[in-house]
Protein backbone atom coordinates (compact mmCIF):
# COMPACT_ATOMS: atom_id res chain seq x y z
CA LEU A 1 -11.03 -3.03 0.81
CA ASP A 2 -12.48 -5.60 3.22
CA ILE A 3 -14.01 -8.76 1.86
CA ALA A 4 -16.27 -11.29 3.68
CA VAL A 5 -17.28 -14.61 2.10
CA ASP A 6 -20.15 -16.76 3.44
CA LEU A 7 -18.77 -20.31 4.09
CA ARG A 8 -21.88 -21.63 5.87
CA THR A 9 -22.85 -24.63 3.78
CA GLY A 10 -26.57 -24.45 4.60
CA SER A 11 -26.82 -20.72 4.00
CA SER A 12 -28.81 -19.24 1.10
CA THR A 13 -25.81 -16.92 0.57
CA PHE A 14 -23.20 -19.68 0.63
CA ARG A 15 -20.08 -18.65 -1.30
CA GLN A 16 -21.40 -15.14 -1.89
CA TRP A 17 -19.15 -12.19 -0.90
CA VAL A 18 -19.48 -8.59 0.05
CA ALA A 19 -16.82 -5.88 -0.25
CA VAL A 20 -16.63 -2.67 1.86
CA GLU A 21 -14.08 0.06 1.47
CA LEU A 22 -12.88 1.09 4.88
CA SER A 23 -10.90 4.27 5.41
CA PHE A 24 -10.05 6.84 8.02
CA ASN A 25 -12.15 9.32 6.08
CA ASN A 26 -15.37 7.26 5.79
CA GLY A 27 -15.09 5.77 9.34
CA LYS A 28 -16.76 2.55 8.25
CA GLN A 29 -16.24 -0.76 10.05
CA LEU A 30 -17.28 -4.31 9.06
CA LEU A 31 -18.46 -6.98 11.45
CA ILE A 32 -17.61 -10.43 10.06
CA PRO A 33 -19.52 -13.18 11.98
CA ALA A 34 -18.46 -16.79 12.52
CA GLY A 35 -18.80 -18.89 9.34
CA PHE A 36 -17.38 -16.20 7.07
CA ALA A 37 -13.93 -15.97 5.49
CA HIS A 38 -12.22 -12.55 5.75
CA GLY A 39 -9.61 -10.98 3.52
CA PHE A 40 -8.47 -7.49 2.68
CA VAL A 41 -6.38 -5.54 0.19
CA THR A 42 -4.85 -2.14 0.95
CA LEU A 43 -5.56 0.43 -1.66
CA GLU A 44 -3.06 3.09 -0.50
CA PRO A 45 0.65 2.79 0.34
CA ASP A 46 1.72 2.70 4.03
CA THR A 47 -1.70 1.56 5.20
CA GLU A 48 -2.17 0.36 8.79
CA ILE A 49 -4.67 -2.39 9.50
CA ASN A 50 -6.36 -2.74 12.90
CA TYR A 51 -9.03 -5.33 13.71
CA LYS A 52 -10.62 -7.01 16.65
CA CYS A 53 -11.39 -10.67 17.10
CA ALA A 54 -14.10 -12.37 19.15
CA ASP A 55 -11.62 -14.62 20.86
CA TYR A 56 -7.90 -15.29 21.29
CA TYR A 57 -5.93 -16.30 18.22
CA ALA A 58 -6.13 -20.08 17.64
CA PRO A 59 -3.44 -21.05 15.12
CA GLU A 60 -4.98 -24.53 14.76
CA ALA A 61 -8.10 -22.93 13.33
CA ASP A 62 -6.28 -20.61 10.94
CA ARG A 63 -6.95 -21.33 7.28
CA SER A 64 -6.40 -19.61 3.95
CA ILE A 65 -8.26 -19.55 0.61
CA ALA A 66 -6.67 -18.38 -2.64
CA PHE A 67 -7.70 -14.76 -2.96
CA ASP A 68 -8.18 -15.28 -6.69
CA ASP A 69 -10.25 -18.44 -6.46
CA PRO A 70 -12.16 -18.60 -9.73
CA THR A 71 -15.27 -20.08 -8.16
CA LEU A 72 -15.67 -16.98 -5.89
CA LYS A 73 -14.94 -14.41 -8.55
CA ILE A 74 -14.07 -11.72 -6.04
CA ASP A 75 -13.27 -8.33 -7.47
CA TRP A 76 -10.32 -7.15 -5.49
CA GLY A 77 -9.73 -4.13 -7.70
CA ILE A 78 -6.20 -5.26 -8.43
CA ASP A 79 -4.45 -7.69 -10.83
CA ARG A 80 -2.81 -10.77 -9.35
CA SER A 81 0.51 -9.54 -10.71
CA ALA A 82 0.18 -6.44 -8.51
CA ALA A 83 -0.74 -8.36 -5.38
CA ILE A 84 1.88 -8.62 -2.61
CA LEU A 85 1.00 -11.75 -0.68
CA SER A 86 2.36 -13.41 2.46
CA ALA A 87 3.94 -16.84 1.96
CA LYS A 88 0.88 -18.46 3.56
CA ASP A 89 -1.55 -16.55 1.22
CA ALA A 90 0.63 -17.19 -1.85
CA GLU A 91 0.30 -20.96 -1.20
CA ALA A 92 -3.37 -20.88 -0.22
CA PRO A 93 -5.52 -23.57 -1.81
CA GLN A 94 -8.77 -23.10 -3.72
CA LEU A 95 -11.93 -23.17 -1.62
CA ASP A 96 -12.94 -26.59 -3.08
CA ASP A 97 -9.60 -28.00 -1.89
CA THR A 98 -10.09 -26.93 1.75
CA GLU A 99 -11.92 -28.45 4.68
CA ASN A 100 -14.95 -26.35 5.52
CA PRO A 101 -15.81 -26.57 9.24
CA PHE A 102 -19.00 -24.54 8.75
């Protein structure tokens, strides 16, 4: 399940999100433009994730937002207790506690 959140402060869809289920069987892809946060959750065991980026990885621009941020109310389809998070994602701040460059 791929999620994109609009972080563009002047946008009429600021802080709104969209979810798209991507799978081998449905062949869907999701283009996430600049100004949007991106996250995903795997819905099946042993899932492989492949994605392309518009530019080379820039660690200084890398940020995280808590996946269960209550202001966004994203329906990930899983309980927090079932989520397996990286250390970075487990410590991610709420959106209101981050600097928004957009």
